[in-house]
Each structure stands twice: as C-alpha cells, then as structure tokens.
C-alpha cells in the first residue's frame, strides 16, 4: 500500500514537471 502511494506521488510529480516543461517549450 505504501509503495503504491509512493508510486502515485512519483508519477504525479513527474506529470507536473512534464506539463511545466511542455508549457515552457510551447511558450517559447
């Protein structure tokens, strides 16, 4: 269960970073 929560947090963090990078690259 804890591992699942860690994975979820890891993926959500990566998604946020990816979206941020995408927004940055698209705005340039």
Protein backbone atom coordinates (compact mmCIF):
# COMPACT_ATOMS: atom_id res chain seq x y z
CA UNK A 1 0.00 0.00 0.00
CA UNK A 2 2.78 2.44 0.95
CA UNK A 3 4.68 1.54 -2.21
CA UNK A 4 1.55 2.27 -4.24
CA UNK A 5 1.23 5.70 -2.62
CA UNK A 6 4.90 6.42 -3.31
CA UNK A 7 4.48 5.43 -6.95
CA UNK A 8 1.40 7.62 -7.27
CA UNK A 9 3.23 10.61 -5.76
CA UNK A 10 6.24 9.97 -8.01
CA UNK A 11 4.09 9.84 -11.15
CA UNK A 12 2.07 12.92 -10.15
CA UNK A 13 5.28 14.87 -9.53
CA UNK A 14 6.70 13.76 -12.88
CA UNK A 15 3.44 14.73 -14.60
CA UNK A 16 3.60 18.21 -13.09
CA UNK A 17 7.24 18.59 -14.19
CA UNK A 18 6.43 17.30 -17.67
CA UNK A 19 3.48 19.67 -18.02
CA UNK A 20 5.61 22.58 -16.82
CA UNK A 21 8.35 21.72 -19.32
CA UNK A 22 5.74 21.37 -22.07
CA UNK A 23 4.25 24.77 -21.23
CA UNK A 24 7.72 26.35 -21.19
CA UNK A 25 8.73 24.86 -24.55
CA UNK A 26 5.38 25.73 -26.17
CA UNK A 27 5.50 29.36 -24.96
CA UNK A 28 8.97 29.90 -26.48
